[in-house]
Amino acid sequence: MGSVKDLIILREATEDGSGRARFLFSDRYSVFDWGEMPDQIKGKGASTCIATAYFFERLEELGVRTHYLGVVEDEKAVKMGELEGPSDTIEFRLLRVIRPRIRGGRYDYSVYERAKGNFLIPLEIIYRNALPEGSSVFRRLKEGRLKLDDIGLEEMPEPGEVLEKPIIEVSTKLEAHDRYLSWDEAMKMCCLSEDEADEMKR
C-alpha cells in the first residue's frame, strides 16, 4: 500500500516473462514530504485513474509502447471507450524490481551486470520544458553541481523561463534519496548502451 494508491499483484514477474498487476487509486491524498493527509477527497481515485488511463492510451496512439493494459471493470481490463462507468483501477504488465546493494556506504549496481529480462531500469527521467522559480536547476547551478553545458544552455536561465529545447535529466530511483546523474554515469551504472540511452531521451 502506498500513500495514495495500492498495488495488487496478480502474477509475479520472472526473468522469463512479465507479471500482471493493478493499481487501485484511492481517495487518499498526500502533500509533498508530509505524506498522507487525515481526510480523503471523494471521487479522487476514480478521476486520477481515468486521467492516467487517458494519457497512456494517447501515448499508445502515438506509437509509444507502455506497460498499460487497460482500466478494470467487472474484473477485466478494458480500454476507456469500453467503460460503462467510472473505475479506480488500472491493470498493467509488472516487471521485477532489482534493488542495488549498499556496500561501504555506497550503492553497488553491479547486480545489473548479471540481470536478465523483465526488470525495472532504476532511473528516473526528468523532462523540463520550463524552469519555474523553485526548480532545483537554479540551486544546482548556483552550487556548481550543474553547469550550463550539462543541460545544453549557453546563458543563465531566468525563473519562469519557457525553454526552446527541453532539458532531459536523469536521476536514481531506488536509493533512499534521488541522486542526479550524468548520462555517462547512468549508462555505466545500469549497463546501458548509447542506443538504449538515446531511446530513453526520445
C-alpha atoms as a PDB file:
ATOM      1  CA  MET A   1       0.000   0.000   0.000  1.00  0.00           C
ATOM      2  CA  GLY A   2       1.304   3.439  -0.917  1.00  0.00           C
ATOM      3  CA  SER A   3       0.224   6.794   0.443  1.00  0.00           C
ATOM      4  CA  VAL A   4      -2.366   7.332  -2.306  1.00  0.00           C
ATOM      5  CA  LYS A   5      -2.664   4.111  -4.307  1.00  0.00           C
ATOM      6  CA  ASP A   6      -2.481   0.383  -3.651  1.00  0.00           C
ATOM      7  CA  LEU A   7      -0.627  -2.272  -5.639  1.00  0.00           C
ATOM      8  CA  ILE A   8      -2.362  -5.586  -6.251  1.00  0.00           C
ATOM      9  CA  ILE A   9      -0.111  -8.258  -7.767  1.00  0.00           C
ATOM     10  CA  LEU A  10      -1.991 -10.791  -9.877  1.00  0.00           C
ATOM     11  CA  ARG A  11       1.073 -12.609 -11.208  1.00  0.00           C
ATOM     12  CA  GLU A  12       4.700 -12.079 -10.231  1.00  0.00           C
ATOM     13  CA  ALA A  13       7.225 -11.141 -12.907  1.00  0.00           C
ATOM     14  CA  THR A  14      10.056 -13.566 -13.619  1.00  0.00           C
ATOM     15  CA  GLU A  15      13.275 -13.467 -15.595  1.00  0.00           C
ATOM     16  CA  ASP A  16      11.410 -15.115 -18.467  1.00  0.00           C
ATOM     17  CA  GLY A  17       8.216 -13.093 -18.539  1.00  0.00           C
ATOM     18  CA  SER A  18       6.408 -10.038 -17.244  1.00  0.00           C
ATOM     19  CA  GLY A  19       3.841 -10.330 -14.488  1.00  0.00           C
ATOM     20  CA  ARG A  20       0.471  -8.677 -14.142  1.00  0.00           C
ATOM     21  CA  ALA A  21      -0.678  -6.184 -11.530  1.00  0.00           C
ATOM     22  CA  ARG A  22      -3.216  -3.495 -10.749  1.00  0.00           C
ATOM     23  CA  PHE A  23      -3.034  -0.025  -9.262  1.00  0.00           C
ATOM     24  CA  LEU A  24      -6.052   0.893  -7.163  1.00  0.00           C
ATOM     25  CA  PHE A  25      -6.240   4.693  -6.979  1.00  0.00           C
ATOM     26  CA  SER A  26      -7.655   5.662  -3.591  1.00  0.00           C
ATOM     27  CA  ASP A  27      -9.392   8.806  -2.370  1.00  0.00           C
ATOM     28  CA  ARG A  28      -6.412   9.362  -0.044  1.00  0.00           C
ATOM     29  CA  TYR A  29      -4.068  12.235  -0.837  1.00  0.00           C
ATOM     30  CA  SER A  30      -0.632  13.376   0.267  1.00  0.00           C
ATOM     31  CA  VAL A  31       1.102  16.743   0.428  1.00  0.00           C
ATOM     32  CA  PHE A  32       4.791  16.917  -0.508  1.00  0.00           C
ATOM     33  CA  ASP A  33       7.011  15.290   2.141  1.00  0.00           C
ATOM     34  CA  TRP A  34       4.363  15.418   4.863  1.00  0.00           C
ATOM     35  CA  GLY A  35       2.796  12.280   3.455  1.00  0.00           C
ATOM     36  CA  GLU A  36      -0.797  11.145   3.687  1.00  0.00           C
ATOM     37  CA  MET A  37      -3.371  13.634   4.986  1.00  0.00           C
ATOM     38  CA  PRO A  38      -6.000  12.597   7.570  1.00  0.00           C
ATOM     39  CA  ASP A  39      -9.051  13.195   5.354  1.00  0.00           C
ATOM     40  CA  GLN A  40      -9.980  11.998   1.859  1.00  0.00           C
ATOM     41  CA  ILE A  41     -11.281  13.561  -1.361  1.00  0.00           C
ATOM     42  CA  LYS A  42     -14.377  11.775  -2.612  1.00  0.00           C
ATOM     43  CA  GLY A  43     -14.040  10.641  -6.231  1.00  0.00           C
ATOM     44  CA  LYS A  44     -10.336  11.484  -6.418  1.00  0.00           C
ATOM     45  CA  GLY A  45      -9.307   7.872  -7.008  1.00  0.00           C
ATOM     46  CA  ALA A  46     -11.580   7.388  -9.995  1.00  0.00           C
ATOM     47  CA  SER A  47     -10.719  10.758 -11.542  1.00  0.00           C
ATOM     48  CA  THR A  48      -6.970  10.129 -11.163  1.00  0.00           C
ATOM     49  CA  CYS A  49      -7.375   6.655 -12.631  1.00  0.00           C
ATOM     50  CA  ILE A  50      -9.258   7.927 -15.682  1.00  0.00           C
ATOM     51  CA  ALA A  51      -6.731  10.740 -16.248  1.00  0.00           C
ATOM     52  CA  THR A  52      -3.893   8.197 -16.044  1.00  0.00           C
ATOM     53  CA  ALA A  53      -5.610   5.850 -18.480  1.00  0.00           C
ATOM     54  CA  TYR A  54      -6.312   8.726 -20.873  1.00  0.00           C
ATOM     55  CA  PHE A  55      -2.633   9.652 -21.163  1.00  0.00           C
ATOM     56  CA  PHE A  56      -1.474   6.050 -21.531  1.00  0.00           C
ATOM     57  CA  GLU A  57      -3.974   5.471 -24.323  1.00  0.00           C
ATOM     58  CA  ARG A  58      -2.958   8.692 -26.077  1.00  0.00           C
ATOM     59  CA  LEU A  59       0.697   7.595 -25.858  1.00  0.00           C
ATOM     60  CA  GLU A  60      -0.206   4.265 -27.426  1.00  0.00           C
ATOM     61  CA  GLU A  61      -1.983   6.085 -30.263  1.00  0.00           C
ATOM     62  CA  LEU A  62       1.305   7.918 -30.902  1.00  0.00           C
ATOM     63  CA  GLY A  63       3.173   4.624 -31.086  1.00  0.00           C
ATOM     64  CA  VAL A  64       4.791   4.822 -27.640  1.00  0.00           C
ATOM     65  CA  ARG A  65       4.982   1.392 -26.020  1.00  0.00           C
ATOM     66  CA  THR A  66       3.843   1.200 -22.384  1.00  0.00           C
ATOM     67  CA  HIS A  67       3.043  -1.437 -19.756  1.00  0.00           C
ATOM     68  CA  TYR A  68      -0.576  -0.278 -19.556  1.00  0.00           C
ATOM     69  CA  LEU A  69      -3.220  -2.945 -20.251  1.00  0.00           C
ATOM     70  CA  GLY A  70      -6.452  -1.114 -19.507  1.00  0.00           C
ATOM     71  CA  VAL A  71      -8.946   0.115 -16.935  1.00  0.00           C
ATOM     72  CA  VAL A  72     -10.524  -2.576 -14.769  1.00  0.00           C
ATOM     73  CA  GLU A  73     -14.286  -3.066 -14.951  1.00  0.00           C
ATOM     74  CA  ASP A  74     -16.054  -6.252 -13.839  1.00  0.00           C
ATOM     75  CA  GLU A  75     -12.614  -7.773 -13.152  1.00  0.00           C
ATOM     76  CA  LYS A  76     -11.495  -7.289 -16.772  1.00  0.00           C
ATOM     77  CA  ALA A  77      -9.024  -4.803 -18.258  1.00  0.00           C
ATOM     78  CA  VAL A  78     -10.733  -2.755 -20.973  1.00  0.00           C
ATOM     79  CA  LYS A  79      -9.984   0.434 -22.901  1.00  0.00           C
ATOM     80  CA  MET A  80     -11.614   3.680 -21.783  1.00  0.00           C
ATOM     81  CA  GLY A  81     -14.082   3.660 -24.663  1.00  0.00           C
ATOM     82  CA  GLU A  82     -15.491   0.358 -23.403  1.00  0.00           C
ATOM     83  CA  LEU A  83     -16.161   1.565 -19.848  1.00  0.00           C
ATOM     84  CA  GLU A  84     -19.754   1.730 -18.687  1.00  0.00           C
ATOM     85  CA  GLY A  85     -18.934   3.758 -15.583  1.00  0.00           C
ATOM     86  CA  PRO A  86     -16.043   5.258 -13.594  1.00  0.00           C
ATOM     87  CA  SER A  87     -13.248   2.986 -12.396  1.00  0.00           C
ATOM     88  CA  ASP A  88     -10.492   3.482  -9.846  1.00  0.00           C
ATOM     89  CA  THR A  89      -8.206   0.658 -11.040  1.00  0.00           C
ATOM     90  CA  ILE A  90      -5.827   0.116 -13.953  1.00  0.00           C
ATOM     91  CA  GLU A  91      -4.052  -3.081 -14.951  1.00  0.00           C
ATOM     92  CA  PHE A  92      -0.501  -3.265 -16.289  1.00  0.00           C
ATOM     93  CA  ARG A  93       2.406  -5.572 -17.023  1.00  0.00           C
ATOM     94  CA  LEU A  94       4.637  -5.983 -13.989  1.00  0.00           C
ATOM     95  CA  LEU A  95       8.437  -6.054 -14.055  1.00  0.00           C
ATOM     96  CA  ARG A  96      10.938  -7.241 -11.476  1.00  0.00           C
ATOM     97  CA  VAL A  97      12.471  -4.621  -9.178  1.00  0.00           C
ATOM     98  CA  ILE A  98      16.115  -5.460  -8.513  1.00  0.00           C
ATOM     99  CA  ARG A  99      17.481  -3.259  -5.756  1.00  0.00           C
ATOM    100  CA  PRO A 100      21.143  -2.225  -5.600  1.00  0.00           C
ATOM    101  CA  ARG A 101      23.071  -3.336  -2.535  1.00  0.00           C
ATOM    102  CA  ILE A 102      24.764  -0.926  -0.136  1.00  0.00           C
ATOM    103  CA  ARG A 103      28.450  -1.672   0.311  1.00  0.00           C
ATOM    104  CA  GLY A 104      30.845   0.544   2.207  1.00  0.00           C
ATOM    105  CA  GLY A 105      28.192   3.238   2.482  1.00  0.00           C
ATOM    106  CA  ARG A 106      27.703   3.387  -1.298  1.00  0.00           C
ATOM    107  CA  TYR A 107      25.130   1.889  -3.633  1.00  0.00           C
ATOM    108  CA  ASP A 108      26.501  -1.032  -5.631  1.00  0.00           C
ATOM    109  CA  TYR A 109      24.797  -1.531  -9.004  1.00  0.00           C
ATOM    110  CA  SER A 110      26.927  -4.474 -10.141  1.00  0.00           C
ATOM    111  CA  VAL A 111      23.871  -6.735  -9.845  1.00  0.00           C
ATOM    112  CA  TYR A 112      22.671  -5.222 -13.140  1.00  0.00           C
ATOM    113  CA  GLU A 113      25.684  -6.672 -14.939  1.00  0.00           C
ATOM    114  CA  ARG A 114      24.157 -10.127 -14.449  1.00  0.00           C
ATOM    115  CA  ALA A 115      20.452  -9.274 -14.602  1.00  0.00           C
ATOM    116  CA  LYS A 116      18.471 -10.725 -17.489  1.00  0.00           C
ATOM    117  CA  GLY A 117      14.981  -9.907 -18.645  1.00  0.00           C
ATOM    118  CA  ASN A 118      11.941  -8.099 -17.297  1.00  0.00           C
ATOM    119  CA  PHE A 119      13.421  -5.741 -14.734  1.00  0.00           C
ATOM    120  CA  LEU A 120      12.941  -2.082 -13.952  1.00  0.00           C
ATOM    121  CA  ILE A 121      15.782   0.189 -15.049  1.00  0.00           C
ATOM    122  CA  PRO A 122      16.420   2.080 -11.771  1.00  0.00           C
ATOM    123  CA  LEU A 123      16.424   5.558 -13.288  1.00  0.00           C
ATOM    124  CA  GLU A 124      14.022   8.477 -13.329  1.00  0.00           C
ATOM    125  CA  ILE A 125      13.954  10.588 -16.481  1.00  0.00           C
ATOM    126  CA  ILE A 126      13.150  14.250 -15.779  1.00  0.00           C
ATOM    127  CA  TYR A 127      11.780  16.254 -18.709  1.00  0.00           C
ATOM    128  CA  ARG A 128      11.770  20.030 -18.265  1.00  0.00           C
ATOM    129  CA  ASN A 129      10.220  22.381 -20.809  1.00  0.00           C
ATOM    130  CA  ALA A 130      10.194  25.317 -18.374  1.00  0.00           C
ATOM    131  CA  LEU A 131      12.076  26.361 -15.246  1.00  0.00           C
ATOM    132  CA  PRO A 132       9.766  27.647 -12.502  1.00  0.00           C
ATOM    133  CA  GLU A 133      11.260  29.662  -9.672  1.00  0.00           C
ATOM    134  CA  GLY A 134      11.587  26.687  -7.313  1.00  0.00           C
ATOM    135  CA  SER A 135      13.322  24.416  -9.824  1.00  0.00           C
ATOM    136  CA  SER A 136      16.341  22.553  -8.454  1.00  0.00           C
ATOM    137  CA  VAL A 137      18.208  23.569 -11.619  1.00  0.00           C
ATOM    138  CA  PHE A 138      18.814  27.075 -10.213  1.00  0.00           C
ATOM    139  CA  ARG A 139      20.118  25.754  -6.897  1.00  0.00           C
ATOM    140  CA  ARG A 140      22.433  23.232  -8.543  1.00  0.00           C
ATOM    141  CA  LEU A 141      23.771  25.837 -10.968  1.00  0.00           C
ATOM    142  CA  LYS A 142      24.467  28.213  -8.071  1.00  0.00           C
ATOM    143  CA  GLU A 143      26.201  25.480  -6.054  1.00  0.00           C
ATOM    144  CA  GLY A 144      28.316  24.442  -9.031  1.00  0.00           C
ATOM    145  CA  ARG A 145      26.919  20.902  -9.099  1.00  0.00           C
ATOM    146  CA  LEU A 146      25.462  21.608 -12.532  1.00  0.00           C
ATOM    147  CA  LYS A 147      26.943  23.501 -15.467  1.00  0.00           C
ATOM    148  CA  LEU A 148      25.124  25.228 -18.299  1.00  0.00           C
ATOM    149  CA  ASP A 149      26.814  22.846 -20.758  1.00  0.00           C
ATOM    150  CA  ASP A 150      25.358  19.874 -18.878  1.00  0.00           C
ATOM    151  CA  ILE A 151      21.838  20.975 -19.764  1.00  0.00           C
ATOM    152  CA  GLY A 152      22.514  22.434 -23.198  1.00  0.00           C
ATOM    153  CA  LEU A 153      22.205  26.117 -22.251  1.00  0.00           C
ATOM    154  CA  GLU A 154      24.539  28.977 -23.150  1.00  0.00           C
ATOM    155  CA  GLU A 155      23.183  31.605 -20.751  1.00  0.00           C
ATOM    156  CA  MET A 156      21.860  31.538 -17.204  1.00  0.00           C
ATOM    157  CA  PRO A 157      18.087  30.953 -17.416  1.00  0.00           C
ATOM    158  CA  GLU A 158      15.535  33.180 -15.720  1.00  0.00           C
ATOM    159  CA  PRO A 159      12.943  31.841 -13.237  1.00  0.00           C
ATOM    160  CA  GLY A 160       9.747  31.057 -15.127  1.00  0.00           C
ATOM    161  CA  GLU A 161      11.555  30.777 -18.450  1.00  0.00           C
ATOM    162  CA  VAL A 162       9.984  28.536 -21.088  1.00  0.00           C
ATOM    163  CA  LEU A 163      12.734  26.625 -22.858  1.00  0.00           C
ATOM    164  CA  GLU A 164      13.141  26.435 -26.627  1.00  0.00           C
ATOM    165  CA  LYS A 165      14.532  22.924 -26.261  1.00  0.00           C
ATOM    166  CA  PRO A 166      13.547  20.708 -23.311  1.00  0.00           C
ATOM    167  CA  ILE A 167      16.132  19.724 -20.718  1.00  0.00           C
ATOM    168  CA  ILE A 168      16.257  15.966 -20.153  1.00  0.00           C
ATOM    169  CA  GLU A 169      17.941  14.882 -16.931  1.00  0.00           C
ATOM    170  CA  VAL A 170      18.342  11.555 -15.191  1.00  0.00           C
ATOM    171  CA  SER A 171      18.439  10.533 -11.529  1.00  0.00           C
ATOM    172  CA  THR A 172      18.498   7.376  -9.436  1.00  0.00           C
ATOM    173  CA  LYS A 173      15.147   5.907  -8.421  1.00  0.00           C
ATOM    174  CA  LEU A 174      15.798   3.093  -5.936  1.00  0.00           C
ATOM    175  CA  GLU A 175      18.032   4.917  -3.466  1.00  0.00           C
ATOM    176  CA  ALA A 176      16.894   6.479  -0.192  1.00  0.00           C
ATOM    177  CA  HIS A 177      17.103   9.884  -1.900  1.00  0.00           C
ATOM    178  CA  ASP A 178      17.054  10.518  -5.643  1.00  0.00           C
ATOM    179  CA  ARG A 179      20.522  11.464  -6.895  1.00  0.00           C
ATOM    180  CA  TYR A 180      21.139  13.327 -10.156  1.00  0.00           C
ATOM    181  CA  LEU A 181      23.499  11.592 -12.573  1.00  0.00           C
ATOM    182  CA  SER A 182      25.268  12.433 -15.786  1.00  0.00           C
ATOM    183  CA  TRP A 183      24.123  10.310 -18.713  1.00  0.00           C
ATOM    184  CA  ASP A 184      27.544   8.631 -18.768  1.00  0.00           C
ATOM    185  CA  GLU A 185      27.120   7.679 -15.092  1.00  0.00           C
ATOM    186  CA  ALA A 186      23.609   6.378 -15.738  1.00  0.00           C
ATOM    187  CA  MET A 187      24.741   4.273 -18.697  1.00  0.00           C
ATOM    188  CA  LYS A 188      27.618   2.739 -16.751  1.00  0.00           C
ATOM    189  CA  MET A 189      25.521   2.145 -13.633  1.00  0.00           C
ATOM    190  CA  CYS A 190      22.731   0.331 -15.468  1.00  0.00           C
ATOM    191  CA  CYS A 191      24.820  -1.264 -18.237  1.00  0.00           C
ATOM    192  CA  LEU A 192      23.005   0.694 -20.955  1.00  0.00           C
ATOM    193  CA  SER A 193      24.292   1.104 -24.492  1.00  0.00           C
ATOM    194  CA  GLU A 194      24.371   4.510 -26.192  1.00  0.00           C
ATOM    195  CA  ASP A 195      21.454   3.437 -28.388  1.00  0.00           C
ATOM    196  CA  GLU A 196      19.399   2.485 -25.317  1.00  0.00           C
ATOM    197  CA  ALA A 197      20.178   5.808 -23.622  1.00  0.00           C
ATOM    198  CA  ASP A 198      19.270   7.711 -26.793  1.00  0.00           C
ATOM    199  CA  GLU A 199      15.962   5.845 -26.970  1.00  0.00           C
ATOM    200  CA  MET A 200      15.186   6.850 -23.380  1.00  0.00           C
ATOM    201  CA  LYS A 201      15.879  10.503 -24.214  1.00  0.00           C
ATOM    202  CA  ARG A 202      13.476  10.391 -27.152  1.00  0.00           C
END
